[in-house]
């Protein structure tokens, strides 16, 4: 059972999400928060697997809250197109991905399951466009550890930034799936990155991948 916490300042929207999520056999809502501060507090007491986090909320915004939620809890940011910059900041802070608020219900359910499984929601092309846009801004502090990467690790990091899955990396690099997992694990450790989303951002900020 995947435990979900919903954080949004609109009660009607929280209720709609709860009805949808609780209708699934493998999903359950363990709590609702009306602001970021409450979301952080409930995460510590309810221990959800996934937090659906709105960006703009009173008391504490979703980005700040996402940065304070650590451990095994994954954060899925809910946003609209006009909040793209906030989404980038949330990914940089450690969120596992984002979903547009007007996405179809099935997409929301799929996103929860993907994030809960430990993967990152990076498939939509809008995500890569978003990352590419905001890494153009020069006031970013690059991830520490980039200078410690081997040539092979830089190659893997570049391919991850292009959106290749582990299976595709295995074919592209002509190595076993186990070797791919080893490379990914080393990249996460060296860059102190939480997940693939942060690896993609690191690749862009290191200019291993340039915006098109």
N, C-alpha and C. Protein backbone atom coordinates (compact mmCIF):
# COMPACT_ATOMS: atom_id res chain seq x y z
N UNK A 1 0.84 -1.19 0.00
CA UNK A 1 0.00 0.00 0.00
C UNK A 1 0.88 1.25 0.00
N UNK A 2 0.64 2.14 -0.94
CA UNK A 2 1.40 3.39 -1.04
C UNK A 2 0.65 4.47 -0.25
N UNK A 3 1.33 5.03 0.73
CA UNK A 3 0.74 6.03 1.62
C UNK A 3 0.99 7.43 1.06
N UNK A 4 -0.06 8.21 0.92
CA UNK A 4 0.03 9.52 0.27
C UNK A 4 -0.44 10.62 1.21
N UNK A 5 0.31 11.71 1.24
CA UNK A 5 -0.09 12.92 1.95
C UNK A 5 -0.37 14.01 0.92
N UNK A 6 -1.49 14.69 1.05
CA UNK A 6 -1.87 15.74 0.11
C UNK A 6 -1.65 17.10 0.76
N UNK A 7 -0.87 17.96 0.11
CA UNK A 7 -0.61 19.31 0.63
C UNK A 7 -1.06 20.34 -0.40
N UNK A 8 -2.15 21.02 -0.10
CA UNK A 8 -2.70 22.04 -1.00
C UNK A 8 -3.59 22.94 -0.16
N UNK A 9 -3.56 24.23 -0.44
CA UNK A 9 -4.35 25.15 0.38
C UNK A 9 -5.81 25.22 -0.05
N UNK A 10 -6.19 24.50 -1.10
CA UNK A 10 -7.58 24.48 -1.54
C UNK A 10 -8.25 23.18 -1.06
N UNK A 11 -9.17 23.33 -0.11
CA UNK A 11 -9.83 22.16 0.48
C UNK A 11 -10.58 21.33 -0.55
N UNK A 12 -11.22 22.00 -1.50
CA UNK A 12 -11.98 21.28 -2.52
C UNK A 12 -11.07 20.41 -3.36
N UNK A 13 -9.89 20.94 -3.71
CA UNK A 13 -8.94 20.18 -4.51
C UNK A 13 -8.38 19.00 -3.71
N UNK A 14 -8.09 19.25 -2.43
CA UNK A 14 -7.61 18.14 -1.59
C UNK A 14 -8.65 17.02 -1.52
N UNK A 15 -9.92 17.41 -1.40
CA UNK A 15 -10.97 16.41 -1.33
C UNK A 15 -11.09 15.61 -2.62
N UNK A 16 -10.93 16.28 -3.74
CA UNK A 16 -11.00 15.58 -5.03
C UNK A 16 -9.85 14.59 -5.18
N UNK A 17 -8.65 15.02 -4.79
CA UNK A 17 -7.50 14.13 -4.84
C UNK A 17 -7.69 12.93 -3.92
N UNK A 18 -8.23 13.18 -2.73
CA UNK A 18 -8.43 12.09 -1.78
C UNK A 18 -9.39 11.04 -2.35
N UNK A 19 -10.51 11.49 -2.92
CA UNK A 19 -11.48 10.55 -3.49
C UNK A 19 -10.84 9.71 -4.59
N UNK A 20 -10.06 10.36 -5.45
CA UNK A 20 -9.41 9.65 -6.55
C UNK A 20 -8.41 8.63 -6.04
N UNK A 21 -7.55 9.07 -5.12
CA UNK A 21 -6.47 8.20 -4.63
C UNK A 21 -7.03 7.03 -3.82
N UNK A 22 -7.99 7.32 -2.93
CA UNK A 22 -8.55 6.26 -2.09
C UNK A 22 -9.39 5.25 -2.88
N UNK A 23 -9.72 5.58 -4.14
CA UNK A 23 -10.48 4.64 -4.96
C UNK A 23 -9.61 3.52 -5.51
N UNK A 24 -8.29 3.66 -5.37
CA UNK A 24 -7.35 2.66 -5.87
C UNK A 24 -6.98 1.67 -4.77
N UNK A 25 -6.86 0.39 -5.13
CA UNK A 25 -6.59 -0.65 -4.15
C UNK A 25 -5.20 -0.53 -3.51
N UNK A 26 -4.25 0.04 -4.25
CA UNK A 26 -2.87 0.07 -3.76
C UNK A 26 -2.46 1.45 -3.23
N UNK A 27 -3.41 2.39 -3.15
CA UNK A 27 -3.10 3.74 -2.69
C UNK A 27 -4.02 4.12 -1.54
N UNK A 28 -3.51 4.90 -0.59
CA UNK A 28 -4.34 5.40 0.49
C UNK A 28 -3.83 6.76 0.95
N UNK A 29 -4.74 7.66 1.27
CA UNK A 29 -4.38 8.98 1.77
C UNK A 29 -4.27 8.92 3.29
N UNK A 30 -3.12 9.32 3.83
CA UNK A 30 -2.91 9.26 5.28
C UNK A 30 -3.05 10.61 5.95
N UNK A 31 -3.24 11.67 5.15
CA UNK A 31 -3.40 12.98 5.75
C UNK A 31 -3.51 14.08 4.72
N UNK A 32 -4.00 15.24 5.16
CA UNK A 32 -4.11 16.42 4.31
C UNK A 32 -3.51 17.62 5.03
N UNK A 33 -2.81 18.46 4.28
CA UNK A 33 -2.20 19.66 4.84
C UNK A 33 -2.63 20.87 4.02
N UNK A 34 -2.92 21.98 4.71
CA UNK A 34 -3.35 23.18 4.03
C UNK A 34 -2.24 24.17 3.76
N UNK A 35 -1.03 23.88 4.26
CA UNK A 35 0.13 24.73 4.00
C UNK A 35 1.40 23.91 4.15
N UNK A 36 2.53 24.51 3.76
CA UNK A 36 3.79 23.78 3.77
C UNK A 36 4.25 23.38 5.16
N UNK A 37 4.04 24.26 6.13
CA UNK A 37 4.47 23.95 7.50
C UNK A 37 3.73 22.73 8.04
N UNK A 38 2.42 22.69 7.78
CA UNK A 38 1.64 21.54 8.21
C UNK A 38 2.06 20.28 7.47
N UNK A 39 2.44 20.43 6.20
CA UNK A 39 2.89 19.28 5.41
C UNK A 39 4.16 18.67 6.00
N UNK A 40 5.09 19.53 6.41
CA UNK A 40 6.32 19.04 7.03
C UNK A 40 6.02 18.31 8.33
N UNK A 41 5.16 18.90 9.15
CA UNK A 41 4.81 18.30 10.44
C UNK A 41 4.11 16.95 10.25
N UNK A 42 3.15 16.89 9.32
CA UNK A 42 2.43 15.64 9.10
C UNK A 42 3.31 14.56 8.49
N UNK A 43 4.27 14.98 7.67
CA UNK A 43 5.21 14.01 7.10
C UNK A 43 5.99 13.32 8.20
N UNK A 44 6.35 14.06 9.22
CA UNK A 44 7.13 13.49 10.32
C UNK A 44 6.30 12.55 11.19
N UNK A 45 5.00 12.80 11.27
CA UNK A 45 4.16 11.96 12.13
C UNK A 45 3.47 10.83 11.37
N UNK A 46 3.13 11.07 10.11
CA UNK A 46 2.38 10.08 9.32
C UNK A 46 3.28 9.20 8.47
N UNK A 47 4.51 9.65 8.21
CA UNK A 47 5.48 8.88 7.39
C UNK A 47 4.90 8.41 6.05
N UNK A 48 4.40 9.33 5.23
CA UNK A 48 3.87 8.92 3.92
C UNK A 48 5.00 8.51 2.99
N UNK A 49 4.64 7.74 1.98
CA UNK A 49 5.62 7.37 0.94
C UNK A 49 5.78 8.51 -0.06
N UNK A 50 4.68 9.20 -0.35
CA UNK A 50 4.67 10.28 -1.34
C UNK A 50 3.88 11.46 -0.79
N UNK A 51 4.41 12.67 -0.98
CA UNK A 51 3.67 13.89 -0.67
C UNK A 51 3.34 14.60 -1.97
N UNK A 52 2.04 14.81 -2.21
CA UNK A 52 1.61 15.66 -3.32
C UNK A 52 1.67 17.09 -2.83
N UNK A 53 2.59 17.87 -3.37
CA UNK A 53 2.90 19.18 -2.80
C UNK A 53 2.57 20.31 -3.78
N UNK A 54 1.64 21.17 -3.38
CA UNK A 54 1.37 22.37 -4.14
C UNK A 54 2.53 23.35 -3.92
N UNK A 55 2.72 24.29 -4.84
CA UNK A 55 3.83 25.23 -4.73
C UNK A 55 3.45 26.43 -3.87
N UNK A 56 2.41 27.12 -4.25
CA UNK A 56 2.02 28.34 -3.54
C UNK A 56 1.02 28.03 -2.43
N UNK A 57 1.51 28.09 -1.20
CA UNK A 57 0.66 27.87 -0.03
C UNK A 57 1.04 28.87 1.06
N UNK A 58 0.12 29.18 1.96
CA UNK A 58 0.43 30.11 3.06
C UNK A 58 1.37 29.47 4.09
N UNK A 59 1.88 30.31 4.98
CA UNK A 59 2.76 29.88 6.07
C UNK A 59 4.13 29.43 5.55
N UNK A 60 4.15 28.44 4.69
CA UNK A 60 5.38 27.94 4.09
C UNK A 60 5.07 27.41 2.70
N UNK A 61 5.82 27.85 1.69
CA UNK A 61 5.54 27.40 0.32
C UNK A 61 6.01 25.97 0.10
N UNK A 62 5.57 25.39 -0.99
CA UNK A 62 5.88 24.00 -1.26
C UNK A 62 7.35 23.72 -1.50
N UNK A 63 8.08 24.70 -2.03
CA UNK A 63 9.50 24.51 -2.29
C UNK A 63 10.27 24.38 -0.98
N UNK A 64 10.01 25.30 -0.06
CA UNK A 64 10.67 25.25 1.24
C UNK A 64 10.32 23.96 1.96
N UNK A 65 9.06 23.57 1.89
CA UNK A 65 8.62 22.34 2.54
C UNK A 65 9.31 21.12 1.93
N UNK A 66 9.42 21.11 0.60
CA UNK A 66 10.08 19.99 -0.07
C UNK A 66 11.52 19.85 0.38
N UNK A 67 12.19 20.99 0.59
CA UNK A 67 13.57 20.95 1.04
C UNK A 67 13.73 20.43 2.45
N UNK A 68 12.67 20.54 3.26
CA UNK A 68 12.75 20.09 4.65
C UNK A 68 12.32 18.65 4.84
N UNK A 69 11.69 18.08 3.82
CA UNK A 69 11.24 16.69 3.92
C UNK A 69 12.36 15.77 3.46
N UNK A 70 12.87 15.01 4.34
CA UNK A 70 14.01 14.13 4.03
C UNK A 70 13.62 12.68 4.27
N UNK A 71 14.60 11.80 4.15
CA UNK A 71 14.36 10.38 4.40
C UNK A 71 13.79 9.69 3.18
N UNK A 72 12.89 8.75 3.44
CA UNK A 72 12.35 7.93 2.36
C UNK A 72 11.13 8.56 1.69
N UNK A 73 10.64 9.68 2.20
CA UNK A 73 9.47 10.32 1.62
C UNK A 73 9.82 11.00 0.30
N UNK A 74 9.01 10.76 -0.71
CA UNK A 74 9.21 11.36 -2.02
C UNK A 74 8.22 12.51 -2.20
N UNK A 75 8.65 13.55 -2.89
CA UNK A 75 7.80 14.73 -3.08
C UNK A 75 7.46 14.88 -4.56
N UNK A 76 6.17 14.92 -4.84
CA UNK A 76 5.68 15.14 -6.20
C UNK A 76 5.03 16.52 -6.23
N UNK A 77 5.64 17.43 -6.96
CA UNK A 77 5.16 18.81 -7.00
C UNK A 77 3.98 18.95 -7.95
N UNK A 78 2.94 19.63 -7.49
CA UNK A 78 1.79 19.95 -8.32
C UNK A 78 1.91 21.41 -8.75
N UNK A 79 1.78 21.67 -10.03
CA UNK A 79 2.01 23.03 -10.50
C UNK A 79 1.19 23.35 -11.73
N UNK A 80 1.31 24.58 -12.19
CA UNK A 80 0.74 25.02 -13.45
C UNK A 80 1.87 25.56 -14.31
N UNK A 81 1.62 25.77 -15.58
CA UNK A 81 2.68 26.21 -16.48
C UNK A 81 3.32 27.52 -16.04
N UNK A 82 2.53 28.40 -15.42
CA UNK A 82 3.09 29.70 -15.06
C UNK A 82 3.97 29.63 -13.82
N UNK A 83 4.16 28.43 -13.28
CA UNK A 83 5.01 28.27 -12.09
C UNK A 83 6.27 27.46 -12.41
N UNK A 84 6.66 27.42 -13.68
CA UNK A 84 7.79 26.58 -14.07
C UNK A 84 9.05 26.87 -13.27
N UNK A 85 9.33 28.15 -13.01
CA UNK A 85 10.56 28.48 -12.28
C UNK A 85 10.53 27.90 -10.88
N UNK A 86 9.37 27.90 -10.26
CA UNK A 86 9.25 27.32 -8.93
C UNK A 86 9.48 25.81 -8.97
N UNK A 87 9.03 25.18 -10.04
CA UNK A 87 9.22 23.75 -10.17
C UNK A 87 10.70 23.41 -10.27
N UNK A 88 11.43 24.19 -11.05
CA UNK A 88 12.87 23.94 -11.15
C UNK A 88 13.51 24.04 -9.78
N UNK A 89 13.18 25.07 -9.02
CA UNK A 89 13.74 25.24 -7.69
C UNK A 89 13.39 24.06 -6.79
N UNK A 90 12.18 23.53 -6.94
CA UNK A 90 11.76 22.39 -6.14
C UNK A 90 12.57 21.14 -6.48
N UNK A 91 12.80 20.92 -7.77
CA UNK A 91 13.63 19.79 -8.17
C UNK A 91 15.04 19.94 -7.62
N UNK A 92 15.56 21.16 -7.67
CA UNK A 92 16.90 21.44 -7.15
C UNK A 92 16.94 21.16 -5.65
N UNK A 93 15.82 21.39 -4.97
CA UNK A 93 15.75 21.19 -3.52
C UNK A 93 15.57 19.73 -3.15
N UNK A 94 15.27 18.88 -4.12
CA UNK A 94 15.18 17.46 -3.82
C UNK A 94 13.86 16.81 -4.14
N UNK A 95 12.93 17.52 -4.76
CA UNK A 95 11.67 16.90 -5.16
C UNK A 95 11.93 15.85 -6.24
N UNK A 96 11.04 14.88 -6.33
CA UNK A 96 11.25 13.77 -7.25
C UNK A 96 10.60 13.95 -8.61
N UNK A 97 9.92 15.06 -8.79
CA UNK A 97 9.29 15.30 -10.07
C UNK A 97 8.12 16.25 -9.92
N UNK A 98 7.40 16.46 -11.01
CA UNK A 98 6.26 17.36 -10.93
C UNK A 98 5.17 16.91 -11.89
N UNK A 99 3.97 17.40 -11.61
CA UNK A 99 2.83 17.08 -12.43
C UNK A 99 1.97 18.32 -12.55
N UNK A 100 1.46 18.58 -13.73
CA UNK A 100 0.57 19.72 -13.92
C UNK A 100 -0.78 19.44 -13.27
N UNK A 101 -1.36 20.48 -12.68
CA UNK A 101 -2.62 20.31 -11.96
C UNK A 101 -3.78 19.89 -12.86
N UNK A 102 -3.68 20.21 -14.14
CA UNK A 102 -4.77 19.85 -15.03
C UNK A 102 -4.52 18.51 -15.75
N UNK A 103 -3.58 17.74 -15.23
CA UNK A 103 -3.30 16.43 -15.83
C UNK A 103 -4.49 15.49 -15.62
N UNK A 104 -4.70 14.56 -16.53
CA UNK A 104 -5.79 13.59 -16.37
C UNK A 104 -5.62 12.77 -15.09
N UNK A 105 -6.70 12.31 -14.49
CA UNK A 105 -6.62 11.52 -13.26
C UNK A 105 -5.69 10.32 -13.35
N UNK A 106 -5.72 9.61 -14.47
CA UNK A 106 -4.86 8.44 -14.63
C UNK A 106 -3.38 8.83 -14.57
N UNK A 107 -3.05 10.02 -15.09
CA UNK A 107 -1.67 10.48 -15.04
C UNK A 107 -1.23 10.76 -13.61
N UNK A 108 -2.13 11.29 -12.81
CA UNK A 108 -1.81 11.54 -11.40
C UNK A 108 -1.54 10.24 -10.67
N UNK A 109 -2.39 9.26 -10.87
CA UNK A 109 -2.21 7.97 -10.21
C UNK A 109 -0.91 7.30 -10.65
N UNK A 110 -0.64 7.38 -11.94
CA UNK A 110 0.60 6.80 -12.46
C UNK A 110 1.81 7.51 -11.87
N UNK A 111 1.73 8.84 -11.77
CA UNK A 111 2.83 9.62 -11.23
C UNK A 111 3.13 9.24 -9.79
N UNK A 112 2.10 9.04 -9.00
CA UNK A 112 2.29 8.64 -7.60
C UNK A 112 3.02 7.31 -7.53
N UNK A 113 2.61 6.38 -8.36
CA UNK A 113 3.23 5.05 -8.34
C UNK A 113 4.68 5.10 -8.81
N UNK A 114 4.93 5.90 -9.85
CA UNK A 114 6.30 6.03 -10.37
C UNK A 114 7.22 6.61 -9.32
N UNK A 115 6.80 7.69 -8.68
CA UNK A 115 7.62 8.34 -7.66
C UNK A 115 7.81 7.43 -6.45
N UNK A 116 6.75 6.72 -6.05
CA UNK A 116 6.83 5.83 -4.89
C UNK A 116 7.80 4.69 -5.13
N UNK A 117 7.95 4.27 -6.38
CA UNK A 117 8.84 3.16 -6.70
C UNK A 117 10.31 3.55 -6.67
N UNK A 118 10.57 4.85 -6.47
CA UNK A 118 11.96 5.31 -6.42
C UNK A 118 12.44 5.94 -7.70
N UNK A 119 11.57 5.97 -8.71
CA UNK A 119 11.94 6.59 -9.97
C UNK A 119 11.63 8.08 -9.94
N UNK A 120 12.00 8.77 -11.00
CA UNK A 120 11.78 10.21 -11.09
C UNK A 120 10.86 10.51 -12.25
N UNK A 121 9.93 11.42 -12.04
CA UNK A 121 8.98 11.76 -13.08
C UNK A 121 9.61 12.78 -14.02
N UNK A 122 10.36 12.26 -15.02
CA UNK A 122 11.07 13.13 -15.95
C UNK A 122 10.66 12.88 -17.40
N UNK A 123 9.70 12.03 -17.59
CA UNK A 123 9.34 11.65 -18.96
C UNK A 123 8.75 12.79 -19.78
N UNK A 124 7.84 13.60 -19.22
CA UNK A 124 7.24 14.65 -20.06
C UNK A 124 8.29 15.59 -20.63
N UNK A 125 8.15 15.93 -21.89
CA UNK A 125 9.14 16.81 -22.52
C UNK A 125 9.15 18.19 -21.88
N UNK A 126 8.04 18.57 -21.27
CA UNK A 126 8.02 19.88 -20.63
C UNK A 126 9.02 19.94 -19.49
N UNK A 127 9.32 18.81 -18.87
CA UNK A 127 10.28 18.80 -17.76
C UNK A 127 11.67 19.15 -18.25
N UNK A 128 12.09 18.54 -19.34
CA UNK A 128 13.42 18.83 -19.84
C UNK A 128 13.51 20.25 -20.37
N UNK A 129 12.41 20.74 -20.96
CA UNK A 129 12.41 22.13 -21.40
C UNK A 129 12.53 23.07 -20.21
N UNK A 130 11.85 22.73 -19.15
CA UNK A 130 11.88 23.53 -17.94
C UNK A 130 13.31 23.61 -17.38
N UNK A 131 13.95 22.45 -17.25
CA UNK A 131 15.31 22.42 -16.71
C UNK A 131 16.26 23.18 -17.62
N UNK A 132 16.13 22.96 -18.91
CA UNK A 132 17.02 23.64 -19.87
C UNK A 132 16.89 25.14 -19.79
N UNK A 133 15.68 25.62 -19.55
CA UNK A 133 15.44 27.06 -19.51
C UNK A 133 16.11 27.71 -18.31
N UNK A 134 15.98 27.11 -17.14
CA UNK A 134 16.43 27.79 -15.94
C UNK A 134 17.89 27.57 -15.60
N UNK A 135 18.53 26.56 -16.19
CA UNK A 135 19.97 26.43 -15.97
C UNK A 135 20.75 27.44 -16.80
N UNK A 136 20.08 28.15 -17.71
CA UNK A 136 20.75 29.22 -18.44
C UNK A 136 21.13 30.37 -17.50
N UNK A 137 20.46 30.45 -16.40
CA UNK A 137 20.71 31.55 -15.47
C UNK A 137 22.01 31.29 -14.72
N UNK A 138 22.93 32.23 -14.71
CA UNK A 138 24.29 31.99 -14.23
C UNK A 138 24.45 31.97 -12.72
N UNK A 139 23.40 32.24 -11.96
CA UNK A 139 23.56 32.36 -10.52
C UNK A 139 23.37 31.04 -9.79
N UNK A 140 23.55 29.96 -10.47
CA UNK A 140 23.44 28.66 -9.84
C UNK A 140 24.79 28.20 -9.30
N UNK A 141 24.78 27.55 -8.15
CA UNK A 141 26.00 26.97 -7.61
C UNK A 141 26.05 25.51 -8.04
N UNK A 142 27.05 25.12 -8.84
CA UNK A 142 27.10 23.76 -9.36
C UNK A 142 27.19 22.72 -8.24
N UNK A 143 26.75 21.52 -8.55
CA UNK A 143 26.84 20.43 -7.59
C UNK A 143 28.31 20.15 -7.25
N UNK A 144 28.59 19.96 -5.98
CA UNK A 144 29.94 19.58 -5.58
C UNK A 144 30.21 18.14 -6.01
N UNK A 145 31.43 17.84 -6.38
CA UNK A 145 31.81 16.49 -6.74
C UNK A 145 31.91 16.24 -8.22
N UNK A 146 31.55 17.23 -9.04
CA UNK A 146 31.62 17.04 -10.48
C UNK A 146 33.05 16.79 -10.95
N UNK A 147 34.01 17.41 -10.27
CA UNK A 147 35.41 17.24 -10.68
C UNK A 147 35.97 15.88 -10.31
N UNK A 148 35.22 15.08 -9.55
CA UNK A 148 35.69 13.76 -9.15
C UNK A 148 35.18 12.65 -10.08
N UNK A 149 34.34 13.01 -11.03
CA UNK A 149 33.74 12.01 -11.91
C UNK A 149 34.74 11.51 -12.93
N UNK A 150 34.68 10.22 -13.21
CA UNK A 150 35.50 9.64 -14.27
C UNK A 150 34.87 9.97 -15.62
N UNK A 151 35.62 9.72 -16.69
CA UNK A 151 35.08 9.96 -18.03
C UNK A 151 33.82 9.13 -18.27
N UNK A 152 33.83 7.88 -17.78
CA UNK A 152 32.68 7.00 -17.96
C UNK A 152 31.48 7.53 -17.19
N UNK A 153 31.71 8.01 -15.98
CA UNK A 153 30.62 8.55 -15.17
C UNK A 153 30.04 9.81 -15.79
N UNK A 154 30.88 10.63 -16.39
CA UNK A 154 30.38 11.80 -17.09
C UNK A 154 29.53 11.41 -18.30
N UNK A 155 29.95 10.35 -18.98
CA UNK A 155 29.18 9.86 -20.11
C UNK A 155 27.81 9.37 -19.65
N UNK A 156 27.79 8.62 -18.56
CA UNK A 156 26.51 8.12 -18.02
C UNK A 156 25.63 9.29 -17.59
N UNK A 157 26.22 10.26 -16.92
CA UNK A 157 25.46 11.42 -16.46
C UNK A 157 24.84 12.17 -17.64
N UNK A 158 25.59 12.30 -18.71
CA UNK A 158 25.09 12.98 -19.91
C UNK A 158 23.90 12.23 -20.50
N UNK A 159 24.00 10.91 -20.56
CA UNK A 159 22.91 10.11 -21.12
C UNK A 159 21.67 10.15 -20.22
N UNK A 160 21.88 10.17 -18.92
CA UNK A 160 20.76 10.30 -17.99
C UNK A 160 20.04 11.63 -18.23
N UNK A 161 20.81 12.67 -18.46
CA UNK A 161 20.22 13.99 -18.72
C UNK A 161 19.43 14.01 -20.02
N UNK A 162 19.77 13.13 -20.94
CA UNK A 162 19.01 13.04 -22.19
C UNK A 162 17.76 12.19 -22.03
N UNK A 163 17.54 11.66 -20.81
CA UNK A 163 16.31 10.94 -20.52
C UNK A 163 16.36 9.44 -20.71
N UNK A 164 17.55 8.84 -20.88
CA UNK A 164 17.64 7.40 -21.08
C UNK A 164 17.33 6.66 -19.76
N UNK A 165 16.56 5.59 -19.88
CA UNK A 165 16.28 4.73 -18.74
C UNK A 165 17.47 3.80 -18.49
N UNK A 166 17.43 3.05 -17.40
CA UNK A 166 18.51 2.11 -17.13
C UNK A 166 18.64 1.07 -18.23
N UNK A 167 17.50 0.60 -18.74
CA UNK A 167 17.54 -0.40 -19.81
C UNK A 167 18.17 0.18 -21.07
N UNK A 168 17.82 1.41 -21.38
CA UNK A 168 18.40 2.07 -22.56
C UNK A 168 19.88 2.36 -22.37
N UNK A 169 20.26 2.70 -21.15
CA UNK A 169 21.68 2.92 -20.85
C UNK A 169 22.47 1.63 -21.05
N UNK A 170 21.89 0.52 -20.63
CA UNK A 170 22.55 -0.78 -20.77
C UNK A 170 22.85 -1.09 -22.23
N UNK A 171 21.89 -0.80 -23.10
CA UNK A 171 22.07 -1.04 -24.53
C UNK A 171 23.06 -0.06 -25.12
N UNK A 172 22.91 1.21 -24.78
CA UNK A 172 23.77 2.25 -25.33
C UNK A 172 25.23 2.05 -24.96
N UNK A 173 25.48 1.68 -23.71
CA UNK A 173 26.85 1.53 -23.20
C UNK A 173 27.39 0.12 -23.38
N UNK A 174 26.51 -0.81 -23.79
CA UNK A 174 26.88 -2.21 -23.97
C UNK A 174 27.45 -2.80 -22.68
N UNK A 175 26.72 -2.57 -21.59
CA UNK A 175 27.08 -3.13 -20.29
C UNK A 175 25.83 -3.75 -19.68
N UNK A 176 26.01 -4.50 -18.60
CA UNK A 176 24.89 -5.17 -17.96
C UNK A 176 24.05 -4.17 -17.17
N UNK A 177 22.78 -4.50 -16.92
CA UNK A 177 21.93 -3.64 -16.09
C UNK A 177 22.54 -3.40 -14.70
N UNK A 178 23.21 -4.41 -14.17
CA UNK A 178 23.85 -4.26 -12.87
C UNK A 178 24.95 -3.21 -12.89
N UNK A 179 25.71 -3.18 -13.99
CA UNK A 179 26.77 -2.17 -14.12
C UNK A 179 26.18 -0.78 -14.22
N UNK A 180 25.06 -0.67 -14.92
CA UNK A 180 24.39 0.63 -15.03
C UNK A 180 23.97 1.11 -13.65
N UNK A 181 23.38 0.22 -12.85
CA UNK A 181 22.95 0.59 -11.51
C UNK A 181 24.14 1.02 -10.65
N UNK A 182 25.28 0.37 -10.86
CA UNK A 182 26.49 0.74 -10.12
C UNK A 182 26.92 2.15 -10.48
N UNK A 183 26.91 2.45 -11.78
CA UNK A 183 27.28 3.81 -12.23
C UNK A 183 26.33 4.86 -11.64
N UNK A 184 25.03 4.57 -11.70
CA UNK A 184 24.05 5.51 -11.18
C UNK A 184 24.26 5.72 -9.68
N UNK A 185 24.51 4.63 -8.97
CA UNK A 185 24.74 4.72 -7.54
C UNK A 185 25.95 5.56 -7.20
N UNK A 186 27.01 5.41 -7.98
CA UNK A 186 28.22 6.20 -7.74
C UNK A 186 27.99 7.68 -8.03
N UNK A 187 27.23 7.96 -9.09
CA UNK A 187 26.91 9.35 -9.42
C UNK A 187 26.11 10.00 -8.30
N UNK A 188 25.12 9.28 -7.79
CA UNK A 188 24.30 9.82 -6.70
C UNK A 188 25.16 10.10 -5.47
N UNK A 189 26.09 9.18 -5.19
CA UNK A 189 26.94 9.34 -4.00
C UNK A 189 27.93 10.50 -4.18
N UNK A 190 28.60 10.54 -5.33
CA UNK A 190 29.63 11.57 -5.54
C UNK A 190 29.04 12.98 -5.59
N UNK A 191 27.83 13.09 -6.16
CA UNK A 191 27.22 14.41 -6.31
C UNK A 191 26.28 14.73 -5.16
N UNK A 192 26.15 13.79 -4.24
CA UNK A 192 25.23 13.96 -3.11
C UNK A 192 23.84 14.32 -3.62
N UNK A 193 23.43 13.61 -4.66
CA UNK A 193 22.13 13.85 -5.29
C UNK A 193 21.12 12.84 -4.77
N UNK A 194 19.88 13.28 -4.63
CA UNK A 194 18.86 12.42 -4.06
C UNK A 194 18.35 11.41 -5.08
N UNK A 195 18.21 11.83 -6.34
CA UNK A 195 17.63 10.94 -7.34
C UNK A 195 18.02 11.41 -8.74
N UNK A 196 17.41 10.80 -9.75
CA UNK A 196 17.76 11.10 -11.13
C UNK A 196 17.42 12.53 -11.51
N UNK A 197 16.39 13.09 -10.89
CA UNK A 197 16.04 14.47 -11.20
C UNK A 197 17.21 15.40 -10.91
N UNK A 198 17.85 15.19 -9.79
CA UNK A 198 18.99 16.03 -9.44
C UNK A 198 20.21 15.72 -10.31
N UNK A 199 20.31 14.48 -10.78
CA UNK A 199 21.40 14.15 -11.71
C UNK A 199 21.22 14.91 -13.02
N UNK A 200 19.99 15.00 -13.49
CA UNK A 200 19.72 15.75 -14.72
C UNK A 200 20.10 17.21 -14.54
N UNK A 201 19.71 17.79 -13.42
CA UNK A 201 20.04 19.18 -13.15
C UNK A 201 21.54 19.38 -13.06
N UNK A 202 22.23 18.44 -12.41
CA UNK A 202 23.69 18.54 -12.30
C UNK A 202 24.34 18.52 -13.67
N UNK A 203 23.84 17.68 -14.57
CA UNK A 203 24.40 17.60 -15.92
C UNK A 203 24.23 18.90 -16.67
N UNK A 204 23.07 19.52 -16.55
CA UNK A 204 22.84 20.81 -17.20
C UNK A 204 23.70 21.90 -16.59
N UNK A 205 23.80 21.92 -15.27
CA UNK A 205 24.56 22.97 -14.61
C UNK A 205 26.06 22.82 -14.87
N UNK A 206 26.51 21.59 -15.13
CA UNK A 206 27.92 21.36 -15.47
C UNK A 206 28.17 21.57 -16.96
N UNK A 207 27.10 21.89 -17.70
CA UNK A 207 27.18 22.12 -19.15
C UNK A 207 27.60 20.86 -19.90
N UNK A 208 27.32 19.67 -19.30
CA UNK A 208 27.52 18.44 -20.04
C UNK A 208 26.42 18.30 -21.08
N UNK A 209 25.31 18.92 -20.81
CA UNK A 209 24.20 18.99 -21.76
C UNK A 209 23.84 20.45 -21.90
N UNK A 210 23.65 20.90 -23.10
CA UNK A 210 23.31 22.30 -23.32
C UNK A 210 21.89 22.43 -23.82
N UNK A 211 21.17 23.45 -23.39
CA UNK A 211 19.80 23.64 -23.84
C UNK A 211 19.74 23.81 -25.35
N UNK A 212 18.72 23.22 -25.94
CA UNK A 212 18.54 23.35 -27.38
C UNK A 212 17.79 24.62 -27.69
